[in-house]
Protein backbone atom coordinates (compact mmCIF):
# COMPACT_ATOMS: atom_id res chain seq x y z
CA MET A 1 -25.53 58.39 164.34
CA SER A 2 -26.06 55.59 161.89
CA VAL A 3 -23.23 52.84 161.74
CA GLY A 4 -22.56 50.48 159.52
CA GLY A 5 -19.51 47.76 159.74
CA PHE A 6 -17.09 46.27 157.07
CA ASN A 7 -13.89 44.78 156.69
CA LEU A 8 -11.37 45.23 153.93
CA ASN A 9 -9.95 41.49 154.47
CA LYS A 10 -6.70 41.43 152.00
CA VAL A 11 -4.00 43.72 150.86
CA SER A 12 -2.21 42.73 147.41
CA VAL A 13 1.50 42.50 147.47
CA GLN A 14 1.35 45.21 144.71
CA GLU A 15 -0.29 47.56 147.12
CA LEU A 16 2.16 46.77 149.72
CA VAL A 17 5.10 47.53 147.24
CA GLU A 18 3.46 50.99 146.38
CA GLU A 19 2.75 52.43 149.73
CA CYS A 20 5.75 51.07 151.37
CA ASP A 21 8.17 51.85 148.97
CA LEU A 22 9.71 48.22 148.68
CA VAL A 23 12.00 46.95 145.79
CA VAL A 24 10.90 43.74 143.72
CA TYR A 25 13.69 41.43 143.72
CA SER A 26 11.88 38.45 141.97
CA GLY A 27 8.63 37.41 141.39
CA GLY A 28 7.35 40.63 140.01
CA VAL A 29 4.57 39.03 137.69
CA ASN A 30 3.01 37.39 140.73
CA LEU A 31 2.31 40.64 142.99
CA ASP A 32 -1.06 41.02 141.97
CA SER A 33 -2.11 37.43 142.55
CA ARG A 34 -0.70 37.40 146.44
CA TYR A 35 -2.52 38.77 148.95
CA ILE A 36 -1.96 39.72 152.88
CA VAL A 37 -4.73 38.99 155.12
CA THR A 38 -2.92 39.97 158.51
CA SER A 39 -1.14 42.61 159.79
CA ASP A 40 1.19 40.33 162.07
CA ILE A 41 4.64 40.24 160.73
CA SER A 42 7.02 36.77 160.88
CA ARG A 43 10.48 36.65 161.65
CA PRO A 44 11.71 33.42 160.81
CA GLY A 45 14.29 32.73 163.09
CA LEU A 46 13.07 29.48 164.27
CA GLU A 47 11.97 28.19 161.24
CA MET A 48 15.67 28.61 159.96
CA THR A 49 16.61 26.16 162.76
CA GLY A 50 14.24 23.72 161.08
CA TYR A 51 11.54 24.09 163.70
CA PHE A 52 7.91 24.17 161.72
CA ASP A 53 5.40 23.25 164.22
CA TYR A 54 3.64 26.67 164.46
CA TYR A 55 4.96 28.22 161.22
CA PRO A 56 2.81 31.38 160.14
CA ALA A 57 2.91 30.70 156.80
CA GLU A 58 0.20 33.41 156.32
CA ARG A 59 2.33 36.42 157.02
CA ILE A 60 4.96 38.48 155.47
CA GLN A 61 8.21 36.70 156.13
CA LEU A 62 10.70 39.37 157.04
CA LEU A 63 14.27 38.38 157.10
CA GLY A 64 16.81 40.62 158.55
CA MET A 65 20.56 40.79 159.85
CA THR A 66 19.80 37.85 162.09
CA GLU A 67 18.14 35.70 159.77
CA ILE A 68 20.55 36.27 156.80
CA SER A 69 23.58 35.82 158.67
CA TYR A 70 22.25 32.62 160.35
CA SER A 71 21.48 31.28 156.58
CA HIS A 72 25.25 31.87 155.84
CA LYS A 73 26.23 29.24 158.33
CA MET A 74 23.85 26.65 157.22
CA LYS A 75 25.01 23.66 155.03
CA LYS A 76 23.72 24.50 151.41
CA ASP A 77 21.53 21.23 151.06
CA GLU A 78 20.07 22.35 154.44
CA ARG A 79 19.72 25.78 153.65
CA ALA A 80 17.72 24.64 150.03
CA ARG A 81 15.41 22.29 152.30
CA ILE A 82 14.36 25.05 154.61
CA MET A 83 13.93 27.69 152.23
CA ASP A 84 11.63 25.39 149.90
CA LYS A 85 9.66 24.72 153.50
CA MET A 86 9.35 28.21 154.31
CA CYS A 87 7.40 28.77 150.92
CA GLY A 88 3.82 28.05 151.95
CA LYS A 89 0.72 28.07 149.90
CA ASN A 90 -0.44 30.87 151.43
CA THR A 91 2.97 33.03 152.12
CA PRO A 92 2.41 36.41 150.39
CA CYS A 93 5.79 37.25 150.04
CA PHE A 94 9.46 37.12 151.51
CA LEU A 95 11.05 40.67 152.48
CA VAL A 96 14.37 41.33 153.07
CA SER A 97 15.42 44.37 154.97
CA ARG A 98 18.65 46.70 154.68
CA PHE A 99 19.10 45.59 151.16
CA LEU A 100 20.83 42.39 152.51
CA PRO A 101 22.07 40.00 149.91
CA VAL A 102 19.21 37.27 148.93
CA PRO A 103 20.14 33.85 149.59
CA LEU A 104 20.35 31.75 146.21
CA GLU A 105 18.43 28.85 147.52
CA LEU A 106 15.56 31.59 148.83
CA GLU A 107 15.51 32.99 145.21
CA GLU A 108 15.32 29.34 143.61
CA ALA A 109 12.66 28.14 145.90
CA SER A 110 10.35 31.11 145.74
CA LYS A 111 10.37 31.21 141.97
CA ARG A 112 9.34 27.44 142.17
CA HIS A 113 6.24 28.30 144.33
CA SER A 114 5.56 31.91 142.70
CA ILE A 115 6.16 33.89 145.63
CA PRO A 116 7.68 37.48 145.48
CA ILE A 117 10.88 38.57 147.06
CA LEU A 118 11.02 42.11 148.35
CA ARG A 119 13.86 44.43 149.51
CA SER A 120 14.12 47.46 151.78
CA LYS A 121 16.66 49.72 152.32
CA LEU A 122 15.02 50.04 156.11
CA SER A 123 16.50 48.40 159.21
CA THR A 124 14.32 45.53 160.19
CA THR A 125 12.88 46.98 163.34
CA ARG A 126 11.52 50.24 160.90
CA LEU A 127 10.21 48.12 158.19
CA SER A 128 8.27 46.17 160.68
CA SER A 129 6.79 49.10 162.37
CA ARG A 130 6.04 50.47 159.07
CA LEU A 131 4.48 47.41 158.01
CA THR A 132 2.42 46.83 160.82
CA ASP A 133 1.01 50.45 160.53
CA PHE A 134 0.38 50.34 156.99
CA LEU A 135 -1.52 46.57 157.32
CA GLN A 136 -3.37 47.50 160.23
CA ALA A 137 -4.82 50.60 158.56
CA LYS A 138 -5.88 48.46 155.74
CA LEU A 139 -7.04 45.51 157.10
CA SER A 140 -8.59 46.48 160.60
CA GLU A 141 -12.53 46.26 161.07
CA ARG A 142 -14.09 49.52 159.86
CA ARG A 143 -17.37 51.21 160.58
CA SER A 144 -19.18 53.70 158.44
CA VAL A 145 -20.28 56.69 159.95
CA HIS A 146 -22.98 59.38 158.76
CA GLY A 147 -21.42 62.54 159.49
CA VAL A 148 -18.65 64.98 158.86
CA LEU A 149 -15.24 64.83 160.06
CA MET A 150 -13.06 68.06 160.30
CA ASP A 151 -9.41 68.91 161.61
CA ILE A 152 -9.94 71.79 163.97
CA TYR A 153 -6.76 73.07 165.51
CA GLY A 154 -5.22 69.77 165.10
CA LEU A 155 -8.15 68.04 166.84
CA GLY A 156 -10.30 65.42 164.85
CA VAL A 157 -13.88 66.56 165.39
CA LEU A 158 -16.81 64.12 164.00
CA ILE A 159 -20.00 66.29 163.52
CA THR A 160 -22.91 64.06 163.50
CA GLY A 161 -26.61 64.84 163.45
CA ASP A 162 -29.93 64.03 161.35
CA SER A 163 -29.73 64.77 157.92
CA GLY A 164 -30.60 68.18 156.83
CA VAL A 165 -29.24 69.80 160.12
CA GLY A 166 -26.71 71.64 158.65
CA LYS A 167 -23.52 69.34 158.94
CA SER A 168 -22.05 70.39 155.46
CA GLU A 169 -23.03 74.12 155.41
CA THR A 170 -21.10 74.18 158.88
CA ALA A 171 -18.32 72.37 157.42
CA LEU A 172 -17.89 74.50 154.56
CA GLU A 173 -17.91 77.58 156.94
CA LEU A 174 -15.06 75.64 158.92
CA ILE A 175 -13.20 75.18 155.97
CA LYS A 176 -13.48 79.07 155.12
CA ARG A 177 -12.09 79.84 158.44
CA GLY A 178 -8.90 77.98 157.50
CA HIS A 179 -9.87 73.99 159.14
CA ARG A 180 -9.38 71.21 157.19
CA LEU A 181 -12.03 68.67 155.85
CA ILE A 182 -11.42 64.87 155.95
CA ALA A 183 -14.72 63.51 155.15
CA ASP A 184 -18.38 64.71 154.25
CA ASP A 185 -21.57 62.58 154.43
CA ARG A 186 -20.01 58.98 155.31
CA VAL A 187 -16.77 58.78 157.57
CA GLU A 188 -14.95 55.33 157.58
CA ILE A 189 -13.44 54.60 161.13
CA TYR A 190 -11.11 51.78 162.13
CA GLN A 191 -9.02 51.31 165.36
CA GLN A 192 -5.32 52.07 165.39
CA ASP A 193 -4.75 51.08 168.80
CA GLU A 194 -6.52 50.62 172.20
CA ARG A 195 -7.23 54.52 172.43
CA THR A 196 -7.09 55.53 168.92
CA LEU A 197 -9.90 55.97 166.36
CA VAL A 198 -9.02 57.13 162.90
CA GLY A 199 -11.30 58.68 160.21
CA GLU A 200 -11.10 58.98 156.50
CA ALA A 201 -13.32 59.36 153.57
CA PRO A 202 -14.40 56.55 151.14
CA GLU A 203 -12.34 56.75 148.13
CA ILE A 204 -15.37 58.05 146.01
CA LEU A 205 -16.29 60.93 148.38
CA ASN A 206 -12.37 62.13 148.68
CA HIS A 207 -12.31 65.67 149.02
CA LEU A 208 -15.82 66.39 148.21
CA LEU A 209 -18.67 68.33 150.08
CA GLU A 210 -22.59 68.29 149.34
CA ILE A 211 -24.22 71.32 149.92
CA ARG A 212 -27.78 71.36 149.22
CA GLY A 213 -29.01 73.65 146.38
CA VAL A 214 -25.40 73.78 144.94
CA GLY A 215 -24.46 70.09 144.63
CA ILE A 216 -21.45 68.60 145.03
CA ILE A 217 -17.89 71.08 145.35
CA ASP A 218 -14.21 69.82 145.32
CA VAL A 219 -12.83 71.09 148.41
CA MET A 220 -9.30 70.97 147.29
CA ASN A 221 -9.76 72.41 143.85
CA LEU A 222 -11.68 75.32 145.22
CA PHE A 223 -9.96 76.27 148.56
CA GLY A 224 -6.47 74.78 147.70
CA ALA A 225 -4.51 71.53 149.05
CA GLY A 226 -3.99 73.03 152.44
CA SER A 227 -8.06 72.60 153.22
CA VAL A 228 -8.25 69.07 153.22
CA ARG A 229 -6.31 65.83 155.02
CA GLN A 230 -6.62 62.25 153.91
CA ASN A 231 -7.18 60.96 157.79
CA THR A 232 -7.20 62.07 161.18
CA ASN A 233 -7.50 60.81 165.04
CA ILE A 234 -10.88 61.26 166.05
CA SER A 235 -10.86 63.28 169.39
CA VAL A 236 -14.40 64.50 169.93
CA ILE A 237 -17.96 64.26 168.53
CA VAL A 238 -19.95 67.04 168.24
CA ASN A 239 -23.66 66.30 167.80
CA LEU A 240 -26.01 68.88 166.08
CA GLU A 241 -29.74 68.60 166.87
CA ASN A 242 -32.62 70.98 166.02
CA TRP A 243 -33.58 73.19 169.22
CA SER A 244 -36.50 72.38 171.06
CA ALA A 245 -38.18 74.59 173.83
CA ASP A 246 -39.11 71.54 175.78
CA LYS A 247 -35.35 70.25 176.42
CA GLN A 248 -33.31 71.38 178.72
CA TYR A 249 -29.55 72.07 177.15
CA ASP A 250 -26.43 71.98 179.15
CA ARG A 251 -25.21 75.47 179.92
CA LEU A 252 -22.12 75.01 182.17
CA GLY A 253 -20.50 72.55 179.86
CA SER A 254 -20.58 69.72 182.82
CA GLY A 255 -22.71 67.54 180.83
CA GLU A 256 -20.47 65.65 178.69
CA GLN A 257 -21.69 62.47 177.22
CA GLN A 258 -19.58 59.54 176.02
CA TYR A 259 -19.82 57.29 172.75
CA GLU A 260 -18.41 54.23 172.55
CA LEU A 261 -17.15 52.54 169.20
CA PHE A 262 -14.45 49.64 169.09
CA GLY A 263 -14.52 49.68 173.00
CA VAL A 264 -13.06 53.17 172.64
CA SER A 265 -14.98 56.09 174.41
CA LEU A 266 -14.90 59.59 172.63
CA PRO A 267 -16.47 62.68 174.48
CA LYS A 268 -19.43 63.77 172.95
CA ILE A 269 -20.86 67.09 172.89
CA ASN A 270 -24.59 68.11 171.91
CA ILE A 271 -25.04 71.33 170.56
CA PRO A 272 -28.76 72.69 169.66
CA VAL A 273 -28.98 74.14 166.13
CA LYS A 274 -31.21 77.42 166.05
CA VAL A 275 -31.71 80.32 163.38
CA GLY A 276 -29.28 83.06 164.34
CA ARG A 277 -26.69 80.81 165.78
CA ASN A 278 -23.52 80.66 164.16
CA MET A 279 -22.41 76.79 164.31
CA ALA A 280 -18.83 77.21 162.99
CA ILE A 281 -17.88 79.53 165.66
CA ILE A 282 -19.50 77.28 168.04
CA ILE A 283 -17.96 74.14 167.06
CA GLU A 284 -14.36 76.01 166.73
CA SER A 285 -15.23 77.21 170.29
CA ALA A 286 -15.86 73.80 171.56
CA ALA A 287 -12.84 72.39 169.90
CA MET A 288 -10.69 75.13 171.36
CA ASN A 289 -12.34 74.45 175.04
CA PHE A 290 -11.95 70.80 174.66
CA ARG A 291 -8.40 71.22 174.05
CA ALA A 292 -8.09 73.44 176.91
CA LYS A 293 -9.56 70.86 179.12
CA SER A 294 -7.18 68.25 177.84
CA MET A 295 -4.17 70.45 178.68
CA GLY A 296 -5.91 70.92 182.37
CA TYR A 297 -7.80 74.18 182.25
CA ASP A 298 -11.40 73.69 182.89
CA ALA A 299 -13.53 77.08 182.53
CA THR A 300 -16.27 75.25 184.35
CA GLN A 301 -14.61 74.24 187.40
CA LYS A 302 -13.09 77.79 187.37
CA PHE A 303 -16.66 79.20 187.34
CA GLU A 304 -17.64 76.96 190.11
CA ASP A 305 -14.60 77.81 192.12
CA ASN A 306 -15.51 81.88 191.60
CA LEU A 307 -19.12 81.07 192.70
CA ASN A 308 -17.81 79.06 196.08
CA ARG A 309 -15.58 82.10 197.01
CA LEU A 310 -18.53 84.37 196.30
CA ILE A 311 -20.79 82.33 198.75
CA LYS A 312 -18.33 82.04 201.13
CA LYS A 313 -17.54 85.96 201.25
CA ASN A 314 -21.08 86.59 201.23
CA SER A 315 -21.93 84.04 204.11
CA LEU A 316 -18.96 85.94 206.18
CA ASN A 317 -20.20 89.38 205.65
CA ASN A 318 -23.50 88.25 207.28
């Protein structure tokens, strides 16, 4: 599995507005020139009291009911001084939740420092969560993996293997069987949290599949919108490898391996490729079997229990 790393280290405020359905209150001409470099959100409550020793000026400054209500109790001169001090050189934008009124002093200070003010109808908690999810997806460190990512029965299955082993052809058969393509050839993976990895396609390869001898096909155009997804959590890796008579393969399903990425361990299943084997059905079955194991049913354990009962029965008869 070839892996390369890269990181998208900034998001423009313009992109934030478009993706999170925000309303531009002022400073609209500066949206493309202000950038967000961290997924952390600042609630400047202490700063409103005048404490700026640890002010994270590079973060989105989110003002909710608490901050706006407190600002109304401040004297006008003090409010103007605080608002001006909150406008740091690297501050990307101010964001006011619940469509609360924007203090006049903040509007004036933000205009002087060319910092946009945005608004949202969402509550502060919901808005903060939505912003964090979006920014983490955009700013997280990423790895590029050679393979095909499919949604099979709601499970994210990353199909890997050497070039020419038949990954894309198998993906095409899976699509025809009703499953959904996320990415072909190259999968961009980032960590959503301590236990979750998310995969998606590079923008240039979105919805496209390469079949040797045919060329590039547009999966969504040929099979419909239901045949693709933008991204998915990766649940299991299925590695395809050419059959070798000299190699011993797992026949009972008890030899599951692990692959670690970003400190997250993913189960890995090695499947040999041989003429006459329907790889799409095998991978489909592997996905269903993995789901059954996740729900507490293990066919391998059942076989071993049946075998032990048979041995015990035979030993009593003897």
